Amino acid sequence: MKLIIQIPCYNEEETLELAYRDLPRKIKGIDEIEYLIINDGSQDNTVQKARELGFHHIVSFKQNKGLAKGFMAGLDACLHLGADIIVNTDADNQYCGADIKKLVRPILENKADIVIGERPIDQTEHFSWQKKKFQHLGSWVVRVASGTDIPDAPSGFRAYSREAALRMNVVNEYTYTLETIIQAGHNKIAMTSVPIRTNAETRPSRLFSSMWKYMKRSATVITRSFVMYSPLKFFSIVGGILFLLGAILGIRFLIFMAMGDGAGHVQSLILTAILIMLGFQTITIGLLGDTIAANRKILEDVQYRVRKIECDPIRRRIKSHEKKADSGH
């Protein structure tokens, strides 16, 4: 059983050693542990530092591409390197490395394919009360959108089985944390969470410059993901609201007309017709979106099979080479 721990990095020369020293060297049930960094166009000596520390693998971008693309590049590299389990953690040492054994345990016991670390948000001192409230609110919205019960959706401390990693696909360029949960929820991938510890803050977050900007971008990711995976439900809700508003105004007009005052409320009749037509058109868009979503599922299945064909022969060669090395050949 091979575990690869991946760490997305962008100018992490000063904190990378802290994160590396905190990583586990042995875990019960794991035969081999390797470490990988995704260098997301760093302009400092992150790569040199990683080599000095002894990282086994380095994936590099020539320019910064963002957390989402870095995460997916790491998954792809880990799959080609024969990983059975992939753990993602942060280079700022936010998460306690010793808790990686908690993350991989449900996968080793075949109870889940994705495990997400639940941070003690309310007890984290460097989180402002606004950030704590927004974290809880955002996680609740993701639970509703994904149909899951993950309590800490923005947590980047998570583990993936090989099967789950083969099925992952992130289309937004901002962050992978929210979209992957919604995707996994709608694809019925077994997912759970475990309580984990966090370390003291080493630097401010680079994912967002302000809480409001983070909320705006996260809301965009959640909405887009929900529309992508449940278009009929989304557009039916929106179209149903418009249709209902039109029906209410229509009933109001009929009441006035029955009272002999219909001529003074023609505007309501016009607005009724507009809202009902918009509602009908929105629901129709949902039906078209549902057809497109069905095609997307087929494409995702094709992508999964292509990845499996690409990665599994490489994995078998790696396993065969390791067995020969162990036997002394």
Protein backbone atom coordinates (compact mmCIF):
# COMPACT_ATOMS: atom_id res chain seq x y z
CA MET A 1 0.00 0.00 0.00
CA LYS A 2 1.61 3.22 -1.21
CA LEU A 3 0.78 6.67 0.16
CA ILE A 4 1.89 9.88 -1.54
CA ILE A 5 1.49 13.15 0.37
CA GLN A 6 1.20 16.11 -1.97
CA ILE A 7 1.75 19.75 -1.03
CA PRO A 8 0.78 22.62 -3.38
CA CYS A 9 3.40 25.36 -3.10
CA TYR A 10 3.66 28.98 -4.14
CA ASN A 11 6.64 30.83 -2.67
CA GLU A 12 6.81 28.52 0.36
CA GLU A 13 10.57 28.57 0.94
CA GLU A 14 10.20 29.81 4.52
CA THR A 15 7.45 27.44 5.73
CA LEU A 16 8.03 24.28 3.66
CA GLU A 17 10.53 22.81 6.11
CA LEU A 18 8.02 23.11 8.98
CA ALA A 19 5.43 21.22 6.98
CA TYR A 20 7.95 18.59 5.85
CA ARG A 21 9.30 17.89 9.34
CA ASP A 22 5.74 17.41 10.57
CA LEU A 23 4.89 14.70 8.01
CA PRO A 24 4.70 11.06 9.20
CA ARG A 25 7.42 8.60 8.20
CA LYS A 26 5.49 5.45 9.11
CA ILE A 27 1.78 4.62 9.30
CA LYS A 28 0.32 1.27 10.22
CA GLY A 29 -1.11 -0.39 7.13
CA ILE A 30 1.02 1.70 4.74
CA ASP A 31 4.06 0.03 3.19
CA GLU A 32 5.57 3.08 1.54
CA ILE A 33 5.25 6.86 2.01
CA GLU A 34 6.49 9.39 -0.54
CA TYR A 35 6.31 13.19 -0.61
CA LEU A 36 5.50 15.40 -3.59
CA ILE A 37 5.26 19.16 -4.08
CA ILE A 38 3.41 21.04 -6.80
CA ASN A 39 5.49 24.13 -7.52
CA ASP A 40 2.89 26.62 -8.78
CA GLY A 41 5.28 29.04 -10.47
CA SER A 42 7.16 29.98 -7.29
CA GLN A 43 9.55 32.92 -7.62
CA ASP A 44 11.65 32.06 -4.58
CA ASN A 45 13.77 28.98 -3.76
CA THR A 46 10.87 26.63 -3.00
CA VAL A 47 12.06 23.95 -5.44
CA GLN A 48 15.66 24.08 -4.19
CA LYS A 49 14.42 23.84 -0.61
CA ALA A 50 12.25 20.83 -1.49
CA ARG A 51 15.26 19.06 -3.02
CA GLU A 52 17.40 19.80 0.03
CA LEU A 53 14.70 18.44 2.34
CA GLY A 54 14.43 15.21 0.36
CA PHE A 55 11.08 15.39 -1.40
CA HIS A 56 10.73 12.42 -3.71
CA HIS A 57 8.85 14.18 -6.50
CA ILE A 58 8.44 17.75 -7.81
CA VAL A 59 5.78 18.88 -10.27
CA SER A 60 6.50 22.37 -11.60
CA PHE A 61 4.53 25.05 -13.45
CA LYS A 62 6.46 27.81 -15.23
CA GLN A 63 3.92 30.37 -14.04
CA ASN A 64 1.27 30.52 -11.34
CA LYS A 65 -1.89 28.64 -12.38
CA GLY A 66 -3.82 28.63 -9.12
CA LEU A 67 -4.69 26.15 -6.42
CA ALA A 68 -7.27 24.17 -8.42
CA LYS A 69 -4.94 23.37 -11.34
CA GLY A 70 -2.09 22.62 -8.94
CA PHE A 71 -4.24 20.17 -7.01
CA MET A 72 -5.30 18.31 -10.15
CA ALA A 73 -1.72 18.20 -11.48
CA GLY A 74 -0.67 16.66 -8.17
CA LEU A 75 -3.40 14.01 -8.32
CA ASP A 76 -2.42 13.12 -11.87
CA ALA A 77 1.25 12.79 -10.93
CA CYS A 78 0.45 10.68 -7.87
CA LEU A 79 -1.71 8.34 -9.94
CA HIS A 80 1.10 7.87 -12.48
CA LEU A 81 3.53 7.22 -9.61
CA GLY A 82 1.40 4.31 -8.42
CA ALA A 83 -0.22 5.85 -5.33
CA ASP A 84 -2.94 3.81 -3.63
CA ILE A 85 -3.83 6.73 -1.34
CA ILE A 86 -3.18 10.43 -1.90
CA VAL A 87 -3.17 12.96 0.93
CA ASN A 88 -3.29 16.69 0.25
CA THR A 89 -1.98 19.14 2.86
CA ASP A 90 -0.78 22.75 2.94
CA ALA A 91 2.78 24.08 2.80
CA ASP A 92 2.17 26.61 5.59
CA ASN A 93 1.94 23.76 8.15
CA GLN A 94 -1.65 24.72 9.00
CA TYR A 95 -2.57 21.08 9.58
CA CYS A 96 -1.03 18.67 12.06
CA GLY A 97 0.94 16.10 10.07
CA ALA A 98 0.47 13.41 12.72
CA ASP A 99 -3.27 13.42 11.90
CA ILE A 100 -2.60 12.02 8.43
CA LYS A 101 -2.95 8.58 9.99
CA LYS A 102 -6.53 9.56 10.94
CA LEU A 103 -7.25 10.62 7.36
CA VAL A 104 -6.08 7.38 5.75
CA ARG A 105 -7.66 5.02 8.31
CA PRO A 106 -11.22 5.02 6.82
CA ILE A 107 -9.72 4.32 3.38
CA LEU A 108 -7.53 1.50 4.71
CA GLU A 109 -10.60 0.02 6.41
CA ASN A 110 -12.54 0.33 3.13
CA LYS A 111 -15.16 2.59 4.73
CA ALA A 112 -14.66 5.64 2.49
CA ASP A 113 -12.90 6.82 -0.67
CA ILE A 114 -12.59 10.48 0.36
CA VAL A 115 -11.80 11.65 3.90
CA ILE A 116 -11.80 15.34 4.83
CA GLY A 117 -10.21 16.74 7.96
CA GLU A 118 -12.62 18.67 10.17
CA ARG A 119 -10.82 21.60 11.79
CA PRO A 120 -11.79 22.87 15.25
CA ILE A 121 -13.03 26.13 13.71
CA ASP A 122 -14.65 27.57 16.84
CA GLN A 123 -11.51 26.88 18.89
CA THR A 124 -9.03 28.26 16.32
CA GLU A 125 -7.70 31.47 17.86
CA HIS A 126 -6.40 33.15 14.69
CA PHE A 127 -9.84 32.88 13.03
CA SER A 128 -11.95 36.00 13.52
CA TRP A 129 -15.56 35.52 14.62
CA GLN A 130 -16.69 36.62 11.13
CA LYS A 131 -14.51 33.98 9.51
CA LYS A 132 -15.85 31.30 11.87
CA LYS A 133 -19.45 32.21 11.03
CA PHE A 134 -18.76 32.33 7.30
CA GLN A 135 -16.93 28.98 7.42
CA HIS A 136 -19.96 27.36 9.07
CA LEU A 137 -22.35 29.05 6.63
CA GLY A 138 -20.32 28.06 3.60
CA SER A 139 -20.05 24.45 4.75
CA TRP A 140 -23.83 24.33 5.28
CA VAL A 141 -24.44 25.60 1.74
CA VAL A 142 -22.06 22.97 0.34
CA ARG A 143 -23.84 20.25 2.34
CA VAL A 144 -27.16 21.30 0.82
CA ALA A 145 -25.71 21.53 -2.70
CA SER A 146 -23.88 18.20 -2.48
CA GLY A 147 -26.31 16.17 -0.38
CA THR A 148 -23.50 15.25 2.02
CA ASP A 149 -22.82 15.82 5.71
CA ILE A 150 -19.25 17.18 5.51
CA PRO A 151 -18.92 19.74 8.35
CA ASP A 152 -15.79 21.57 7.10
CA ALA A 153 -16.03 21.92 3.32
CA PRO A 154 -13.14 24.44 2.80
CA SER A 155 -10.63 22.17 4.56
CA GLY A 156 -7.72 21.32 2.26
CA PHE A 157 -6.50 18.51 4.53
CA ARG A 158 -7.95 15.44 2.85
CA ALA A 159 -7.23 11.94 1.61
CA TYR A 160 -8.33 10.22 -1.61
CA SER A 161 -8.31 6.57 -2.52
CA ARG A 162 -6.91 5.74 -5.96
CA GLU A 163 -10.42 5.05 -7.24
CA ALA A 164 -11.71 8.45 -6.06
CA ALA A 165 -8.68 10.28 -7.47
CA LEU A 166 -9.26 8.68 -10.88
CA ARG A 167 -12.77 10.18 -10.90
CA MET A 168 -11.89 13.71 -9.77
CA ASN A 169 -12.31 16.59 -12.20
CA VAL A 170 -12.11 20.30 -11.29
CA VAL A 171 -13.23 22.89 -13.86
CA ASN A 172 -13.03 26.14 -11.85
CA GLU A 173 -9.67 27.90 -11.55
CA TYR A 174 -10.08 29.12 -7.97
CA THR A 175 -10.15 26.21 -5.50
CA TYR A 176 -10.75 22.48 -5.57
CA THR A 177 -12.18 22.13 -2.04
CA LEU A 178 -15.83 23.00 -2.69
CA GLU A 179 -16.30 21.64 -6.20
CA THR A 180 -14.81 18.21 -5.42
CA ILE A 181 -17.25 17.73 -2.52
CA ILE A 182 -20.24 18.63 -4.70
CA GLN A 183 -18.94 16.38 -7.47
CA ALA A 184 -18.34 13.47 -5.09
CA GLY A 185 -21.76 13.92 -3.51
CA HIS A 186 -23.61 13.80 -6.82
CA ASN A 187 -21.48 10.87 -8.06
CA LYS A 188 -22.22 8.90 -4.88
CA ILE A 189 -18.56 8.53 -3.91
CA ALA A 190 -18.23 7.32 -0.31
CA MET A 191 -17.06 10.31 1.72
CA THR A 192 -16.56 11.02 5.42
CA SER A 193 -14.74 13.41 7.75
CA VAL A 194 -12.54 13.02 10.81
CA PRO A 195 -11.64 15.60 13.46
CA ILE A 196 -8.10 16.92 13.08
CA ARG A 197 -5.85 19.43 14.84
CA THR A 198 -4.34 22.62 13.46
CA ASN A 199 -1.04 24.35 14.18
CA ALA A 200 -0.41 27.99 14.95
CA GLU A 201 -0.65 30.38 12.00
CA THR A 202 2.67 30.87 10.19
CA ARG A 203 1.49 33.40 7.60
CA PRO A 204 -1.76 35.00 6.36
CA SER A 205 -3.82 33.04 3.85
CA ARG A 206 -2.94 33.66 0.20
CA LEU A 207 -6.17 32.24 -1.17
CA PHE A 208 -8.05 35.50 -0.66
CA SER A 209 -7.25 39.11 0.23
CA SER A 210 -10.51 39.76 2.10
CA MET A 211 -13.37 37.74 3.57
CA TRP A 212 -15.93 39.34 1.26
CA LYS A 213 -13.88 38.51 -1.83
CA TYR A 214 -13.51 34.94 -0.62
CA MET A 215 -17.27 34.65 -0.03
CA LYS A 216 -18.03 36.06 -3.48
CA ARG A 217 -15.69 33.67 -5.29
CA SER A 218 -16.79 30.70 -3.17
CA ALA A 219 -20.46 31.47 -3.88
CA THR A 220 -19.65 31.52 -7.59
CA VAL A 221 -17.91 28.13 -7.37
CA ILE A 222 -20.78 26.57 -5.38
CA THR A 223 -23.46 27.94 -7.71
CA ARG A 224 -21.60 26.90 -10.84
CA SER A 225 -20.93 23.42 -9.47
CA PHE A 226 -24.54 22.96 -8.38
CA VAL A 227 -25.81 24.10 -11.80
CA MET A 228 -23.35 21.77 -13.52
CA TYR A 229 -24.30 18.68 -11.55
CA SER A 230 -28.02 19.41 -10.85
CA PRO A 231 -29.21 21.77 -13.62
CA LEU A 232 -32.82 20.57 -13.66
CA LYS A 233 -33.21 21.06 -9.91
CA PHE A 234 -31.59 24.51 -9.97
CA PHE A 235 -33.53 25.90 -12.93
CA SER A 236 -36.77 24.29 -11.76
CA ILE A 237 -36.46 26.13 -8.45
CA VAL A 238 -35.74 29.45 -10.16
CA GLY A 239 -38.43 28.90 -12.80
CA GLY A 240 -40.92 27.75 -10.17
CA ILE A 241 -40.40 30.96 -8.17
CA LEU A 242 -40.96 33.10 -11.28
CA PHE A 243 -44.03 31.07 -12.24
CA LEU A 244 -45.43 31.38 -8.70
CA LEU A 245 -44.91 35.15 -8.63
CA GLY A 246 -46.68 35.43 -11.96
CA ALA A 247 -49.57 33.29 -10.71
CA ILE A 248 -49.95 35.46 -7.59
CA LEU A 249 -50.10 38.64 -9.67
CA GLY A 250 -52.55 36.96 -12.02
CA ILE A 251 -54.86 36.02 -9.15
CA ARG A 252 -54.56 39.58 -7.83
CA PHE A 253 -55.63 40.94 -11.23
CA LEU A 254 -58.60 38.56 -11.38
CA ILE A 255 -59.72 39.73 -7.94
CA PHE A 256 -59.58 43.37 -9.03
CA MET A 257 -61.37 42.50 -12.26
CA ALA A 258 -64.16 40.73 -10.31
CA MET A 259 -64.50 43.91 -8.25
CA GLY A 260 -64.90 45.93 -11.46
CA ASP A 261 -61.52 47.61 -11.18
CA GLY A 262 -59.57 45.50 -13.72
CA ALA A 263 -58.90 48.35 -16.13
CA GLY A 264 -56.67 50.10 -13.61
CA HIS A 265 -54.41 47.09 -13.17
CA VAL A 266 -53.44 46.13 -16.72
CA GLN A 267 -49.78 46.47 -15.73
CA SER A 268 -50.22 43.53 -13.35
CA LEU A 269 -51.61 41.42 -16.19
CA ILE A 270 -48.63 42.27 -18.41
CA LEU A 271 -46.17 41.47 -15.60
CA THR A 272 -48.05 38.21 -14.93
CA ALA A 273 -47.60 37.12 -18.54
CA ILE A 274 -43.90 38.05 -18.50
CA LEU A 275 -43.17 36.18 -15.25
CA ILE A 276 -45.05 33.05 -16.34
CA MET A 277 -43.20 33.00 -19.68
CA LEU A 278 -39.85 33.53 -17.94
CA GLY A 279 -40.67 30.73 -15.51
CA PHE A 280 -41.58 28.37 -18.34
CA GLN A 281 -38.42 29.27 -20.29
CA THR A 282 -36.22 28.81 -17.21
CA ILE A 283 -37.63 25.33 -16.58
CA THR A 284 -37.05 24.53 -20.26
CA ILE A 285 -33.41 25.61 -19.85
CA GLY A 286 -33.23 23.21 -16.90
CA LEU A 287 -34.45 20.34 -19.11
CA LEU A 288 -31.79 21.17 -21.71
CA GLY A 289 -29.16 21.44 -18.96
CA ASP A 290 -30.19 18.03 -17.65
CA THR A 291 -29.57 16.53 -21.09
CA ILE A 292 -26.14 18.19 -21.22
CA ALA A 293 -25.41 16.90 -17.69
CA ALA A 294 -26.19 13.36 -18.86
CA ASN A 295 -23.61 13.77 -21.64
CA ARG A 296 -21.13 15.17 -19.12
CA LYS A 297 -21.52 12.03 -16.99
CA ILE A 298 -20.71 9.91 -20.03
CA LEU A 299 -17.61 12.05 -20.68
CA GLU A 300 -16.55 11.72 -17.03
CA ASP A 301 -16.83 7.94 -17.33
CA VAL A 302 -14.72 8.03 -20.50
CA GLN A 303 -12.15 10.24 -18.72
CA TYR A 304 -12.06 7.79 -15.79
CA ARG A 305 -11.43 4.84 -18.12
CA VAL A 306 -8.72 6.71 -20.04
CA ARG A 307 -6.96 7.64 -16.80
CA LYS A 308 -7.19 4.05 -15.62
CA ILE A 309 -5.74 2.73 -18.88
CA GLU A 310 -2.90 5.30 -18.69
CA CYS A 311 -2.02 4.88 -15.01
CA ASP A 312 -2.59 1.22 -14.17
CA PRO A 313 0.09 -0.27 -16.48
CA ILE A 314 2.59 2.21 -15.02
CA ARG A 315 1.48 1.24 -11.53
CA ARG A 316 1.89 -2.47 -12.27
CA ARG A 317 5.43 -1.88 -13.58
CA ILE A 318 6.28 0.09 -10.43
CA LYS A 319 4.92 -2.69 -8.20
CA SER A 320 6.79 -5.34 -10.21
CA HIS A 321 10.05 -3.38 -9.99
CA GLU A 322 9.61 -2.99 -6.21
CA LYS A 323 9.01 -6.71 -5.74
CA LYS A 324 12.16 -7.55 -7.74
CA ALA A 325 14.16 -5.06 -5.68
CA ASP A 326 12.83 -6.59 -2.43
CA SER A 327 13.74 -10.11 -3.60
CA GLY A 328 17.25 -8.99 -4.44
CA HIS A 329 17.04 -9.42 -8.24
